[in-house]
């Protein structure tokens, strides 16, 4: 199976969306390398970065599910590192 390293940049503008976002991230926990969250109280938002090592379709699905959450924006940056895990 081939996996890629990617970074999801997530901005949460609706605090009520945090529980739903955390639920999605929990579902994909096996692929998450690490995550960092920064509350930006001045603007009332939270900024998260989530590093993943997963198959391309899993990364796309995760990003798509996060993007459907109201008040949450996500962008994904892919590395050129492809891992052949057999």
N, C-alpha and C. Protein backbone atom coordinates (compact mmCIF):
# COMPACT_ATOMS: atom_id res chain seq x y z
N UNK A 1 0.85 -1.18 0.00
CA UNK A 1 0.00 0.00 0.00
C UNK A 1 0.89 1.24 0.00
N UNK A 2 0.54 2.21 -0.81
CA UNK A 2 1.29 3.47 -0.85
C UNK A 2 0.61 4.50 0.03
N UNK A 3 1.43 5.21 0.81
CA UNK A 3 0.91 6.31 1.61
C UNK A 3 1.70 7.57 1.30
N UNK A 4 1.09 8.70 1.63
CA UNK A 4 1.74 10.00 1.44
C UNK A 4 1.73 10.76 2.75
N UNK A 5 2.67 11.65 2.86
CA UNK A 5 2.72 12.56 4.00
C UNK A 5 2.01 13.85 3.55
N UNK A 6 1.12 14.34 4.40
CA UNK A 6 0.40 15.56 4.07
C UNK A 6 0.16 16.36 5.35
N UNK A 7 -0.10 17.63 5.17
CA UNK A 7 -0.41 18.52 6.28
C UNK A 7 -1.75 19.19 6.00
N UNK A 8 -2.67 19.05 6.93
CA UNK A 8 -3.96 19.71 6.82
C UNK A 8 -3.93 20.98 7.66
N UNK A 9 -4.21 22.10 7.03
CA UNK A 9 -4.31 23.38 7.72
C UNK A 9 -5.80 23.66 7.92
N UNK A 10 -6.19 23.77 9.17
CA UNK A 10 -7.61 23.89 9.51
C UNK A 10 -7.85 25.17 10.30
N UNK A 11 -8.86 25.93 9.90
CA UNK A 11 -9.26 27.13 10.64
C UNK A 11 -10.70 26.94 11.08
N UNK A 12 -10.90 27.07 12.39
CA UNK A 12 -12.24 26.90 12.97
C UNK A 12 -12.76 28.27 13.36
N UNK A 13 -13.81 28.71 12.68
CA UNK A 13 -14.41 30.01 12.96
C UNK A 13 -15.65 29.89 13.83
N UNK A 14 -16.18 28.67 13.95
CA UNK A 14 -17.38 28.41 14.75
C UNK A 14 -17.02 27.47 15.89
N UNK A 15 -16.94 27.97 17.12
CA UNK A 15 -16.56 27.13 18.26
C UNK A 15 -17.47 25.91 18.45
N UNK A 16 -18.71 26.01 17.99
CA UNK A 16 -19.64 24.89 18.12
C UNK A 16 -19.27 23.73 17.20
N UNK A 17 -18.38 23.95 16.23
CA UNK A 17 -17.98 22.91 15.29
C UNK A 17 -16.83 22.05 15.82
N UNK A 18 -16.25 22.44 16.95
CA UNK A 18 -15.06 21.75 17.47
C UNK A 18 -15.36 20.29 17.80
N UNK A 19 -16.50 20.02 18.41
CA UNK A 19 -16.83 18.64 18.77
C UNK A 19 -16.95 17.76 17.53
N UNK A 20 -17.61 18.26 16.50
CA UNK A 20 -17.75 17.49 15.26
C UNK A 20 -16.38 17.29 14.59
N UNK A 21 -15.56 18.32 14.57
CA UNK A 21 -14.22 18.22 14.00
C UNK A 21 -13.38 17.19 14.75
N UNK A 22 -13.40 17.24 16.07
CA UNK A 22 -12.64 16.27 16.86
C UNK A 22 -13.13 14.84 16.62
N UNK A 23 -14.42 14.68 16.41
CA UNK A 23 -14.96 13.36 16.10
C UNK A 23 -14.42 12.81 14.79
N UNK A 24 -14.33 13.66 13.79
CA UNK A 24 -13.77 13.25 12.49
C UNK A 24 -12.30 12.89 12.65
N UNK A 25 -11.55 13.75 13.33
CA UNK A 25 -10.13 13.47 13.52
C UNK A 25 -9.92 12.17 14.30
N UNK A 26 -10.79 11.90 15.26
CA UNK A 26 -10.68 10.66 16.02
C UNK A 26 -10.88 9.43 15.12
N UNK A 27 -11.82 9.53 14.17
CA UNK A 27 -12.07 8.43 13.23
C UNK A 27 -10.82 8.10 12.41
N UNK A 28 -10.00 9.09 12.14
CA UNK A 28 -8.81 8.91 11.30
C UNK A 28 -7.53 8.92 12.14
N UNK A 29 -7.67 8.68 13.43
CA UNK A 29 -6.54 8.74 14.35
C UNK A 29 -5.37 7.85 13.97
N UNK A 30 -5.62 6.71 13.35
CA UNK A 30 -4.53 5.79 12.99
C UNK A 30 -3.59 6.39 11.95
N UNK A 31 -4.04 7.40 11.23
CA UNK A 31 -3.22 8.02 10.18
C UNK A 31 -2.53 9.30 10.65
N UNK A 32 -2.94 9.82 11.81
CA UNK A 32 -2.42 11.11 12.27
C UNK A 32 -1.06 10.93 12.92
N UNK A 33 -0.09 11.67 12.40
CA UNK A 33 1.27 11.67 12.96
C UNK A 33 1.30 12.59 14.18
N UNK A 34 0.68 13.74 14.05
CA UNK A 34 0.64 14.71 15.14
C UNK A 34 -0.27 15.87 14.78
N UNK A 35 -0.66 16.60 15.80
CA UNK A 35 -1.52 17.76 15.56
C UNK A 35 -1.17 18.86 16.55
N UNK A 36 -1.40 20.08 16.11
CA UNK A 36 -1.13 21.24 16.95
C UNK A 36 -2.29 22.21 16.77
N UNK A 37 -2.81 22.70 17.87
CA UNK A 37 -3.90 23.66 17.81
C UNK A 37 -3.53 24.94 18.53
N UNK A 38 -3.87 26.05 17.91
CA UNK A 38 -3.58 27.36 18.49
C UNK A 38 -4.86 28.19 18.55
N UNK A 39 -5.32 28.51 19.75
CA UNK A 39 -6.46 29.42 19.83
C UNK A 39 -6.00 30.85 19.57
N UNK A 40 -6.67 31.53 18.69
CA UNK A 40 -6.36 32.93 18.42
C UNK A 40 -7.52 33.75 18.97
N UNK A 41 -7.45 33.99 20.28
CA UNK A 41 -8.58 34.61 20.99
C UNK A 41 -8.93 36.00 20.47
N UNK A 42 -7.93 36.72 20.03
CA UNK A 42 -8.15 38.07 19.51
C UNK A 42 -9.19 38.07 18.39
N UNK A 43 -9.15 37.03 17.56
CA UNK A 43 -10.07 36.93 16.42
C UNK A 43 -11.19 35.93 16.64
N UNK A 44 -11.14 35.21 17.76
CA UNK A 44 -12.19 34.24 18.06
C UNK A 44 -12.15 33.00 17.19
N UNK A 45 -10.96 32.62 16.72
CA UNK A 45 -10.82 31.43 15.88
C UNK A 45 -9.77 30.50 16.47
N UNK A 46 -9.74 29.29 15.95
CA UNK A 46 -8.68 28.33 16.30
C UNK A 46 -8.00 27.89 15.01
N UNK A 47 -6.70 27.72 15.09
CA UNK A 47 -5.90 27.31 13.93
C UNK A 47 -5.26 25.97 14.28
N UNK A 48 -5.49 24.97 13.44
CA UNK A 48 -4.94 23.65 13.68
C UNK A 48 -4.09 23.21 12.49
N UNK A 49 -3.04 22.47 12.80
CA UNK A 49 -2.29 21.79 11.75
C UNK A 49 -2.25 20.32 12.13
N UNK A 50 -2.56 19.47 11.17
CA UNK A 50 -2.61 18.03 11.40
C UNK A 50 -1.75 17.35 10.36
N UNK A 51 -0.70 16.66 10.81
CA UNK A 51 0.18 15.92 9.91
C UNK A 51 -0.32 14.48 9.82
N UNK A 52 -0.42 13.97 8.58
CA UNK A 52 -0.92 12.61 8.37
C UNK A 52 0.00 11.82 7.45
N UNK A 53 -0.04 10.51 7.62
CA UNK A 53 0.63 9.56 6.74
C UNK A 53 -0.45 8.55 6.37
N UNK A 54 -0.98 8.68 5.15
CA UNK A 54 -2.14 7.88 4.76
C UNK A 54 -2.19 7.71 3.25
N UNK A 55 -2.98 6.75 2.77
CA UNK A 55 -3.20 6.64 1.33
C UNK A 55 -3.87 7.92 0.80
N UNK A 56 -3.61 8.23 -0.45
CA UNK A 56 -4.14 9.44 -1.08
C UNK A 56 -5.65 9.56 -0.91
N UNK A 57 -6.39 8.48 -1.12
CA UNK A 57 -7.84 8.56 -1.04
C UNK A 57 -8.31 8.82 0.40
N UNK A 58 -7.59 8.33 1.38
CA UNK A 58 -7.95 8.58 2.78
C UNK A 58 -7.74 10.06 3.12
N UNK A 59 -6.63 10.62 2.66
CA UNK A 59 -6.36 12.04 2.90
C UNK A 59 -7.44 12.91 2.27
N UNK A 60 -7.80 12.58 1.03
CA UNK A 60 -8.84 13.34 0.33
C UNK A 60 -10.19 13.24 1.05
N UNK A 61 -10.53 12.03 1.50
CA UNK A 61 -11.79 11.83 2.20
C UNK A 61 -11.81 12.60 3.52
N UNK A 62 -10.72 12.52 4.26
CA UNK A 62 -10.62 13.26 5.52
C UNK A 62 -10.79 14.75 5.30
N UNK A 63 -10.05 15.29 4.34
CA UNK A 63 -10.14 16.71 4.03
C UNK A 63 -11.56 17.10 3.61
N UNK A 64 -12.18 16.26 2.81
CA UNK A 64 -13.55 16.53 2.35
C UNK A 64 -14.54 16.55 3.50
N UNK A 65 -14.43 15.59 4.42
CA UNK A 65 -15.33 15.55 5.57
C UNK A 65 -15.15 16.78 6.45
N UNK A 66 -13.91 17.18 6.66
CA UNK A 66 -13.65 18.37 7.48
C UNK A 66 -14.21 19.60 6.79
N UNK A 67 -14.04 19.68 5.48
CA UNK A 67 -14.52 20.84 4.72
C UNK A 67 -16.03 21.00 4.73
N UNK A 68 -16.75 19.92 5.01
CA UNK A 68 -18.21 19.98 5.04
C UNK A 68 -18.75 20.48 6.38
N UNK A 69 -17.89 20.58 7.38
CA UNK A 69 -18.32 21.05 8.70
C UNK A 69 -18.52 22.57 8.63
N UNK A 70 -19.68 23.01 9.04
CA UNK A 70 -20.01 24.44 8.99
C UNK A 70 -19.09 25.23 9.91
N UNK A 71 -18.49 26.29 9.38
CA UNK A 71 -17.62 27.14 10.17
C UNK A 71 -16.18 26.67 10.23
N UNK A 72 -15.84 25.67 9.39
CA UNK A 72 -14.48 25.12 9.37
C UNK A 72 -13.95 25.18 7.94
N UNK A 73 -12.72 25.66 7.79
CA UNK A 73 -12.04 25.68 6.49
C UNK A 73 -10.82 24.79 6.56
N UNK A 74 -10.50 24.11 5.46
CA UNK A 74 -9.34 23.21 5.43
C UNK A 74 -8.64 23.29 4.08
N UNK A 75 -7.34 23.26 4.13
CA UNK A 75 -6.49 23.17 2.93
C UNK A 75 -5.47 22.08 3.20
N UNK A 76 -5.12 21.32 2.18
CA UNK A 76 -4.19 20.22 2.34
C UNK A 76 -2.96 20.45 1.48
N UNK A 77 -1.80 20.30 2.09
CA UNK A 77 -0.52 20.38 1.38
C UNK A 77 0.10 18.99 1.39
N UNK A 78 0.43 18.50 0.20
CA UNK A 78 1.01 17.16 0.06
C UNK A 78 2.51 17.25 -0.13
N UNK A 79 3.22 16.33 0.52
CA UNK A 79 4.66 16.23 0.26
C UNK A 79 4.86 15.33 -0.96
N UNK A 80 6.05 15.33 -1.48
CA UNK A 80 6.38 14.43 -2.58
C UNK A 80 6.86 13.07 -2.07
N UNK A 81 6.85 12.90 -0.76
CA UNK A 81 7.28 11.64 -0.16
C UNK A 81 6.16 10.61 -0.28
N UNK A 82 6.43 9.53 -0.96
CA UNK A 82 5.49 8.42 -1.09
C UNK A 82 6.13 7.20 -0.46
N UNK A 83 5.42 6.57 0.45
CA UNK A 83 5.94 5.43 1.18
C UNK A 83 5.28 4.16 0.66
N UNK A 84 6.07 3.19 0.26
CA UNK A 84 5.56 1.90 -0.16
C UNK A 84 5.63 0.96 1.02
N UNK A 85 4.51 0.78 1.68
CA UNK A 85 4.45 -0.06 2.88
C UNK A 85 3.85 -1.41 2.50
N UNK A 86 4.65 -2.43 2.55
CA UNK A 86 4.15 -3.74 2.14
C UNK A 86 4.27 -4.75 3.22
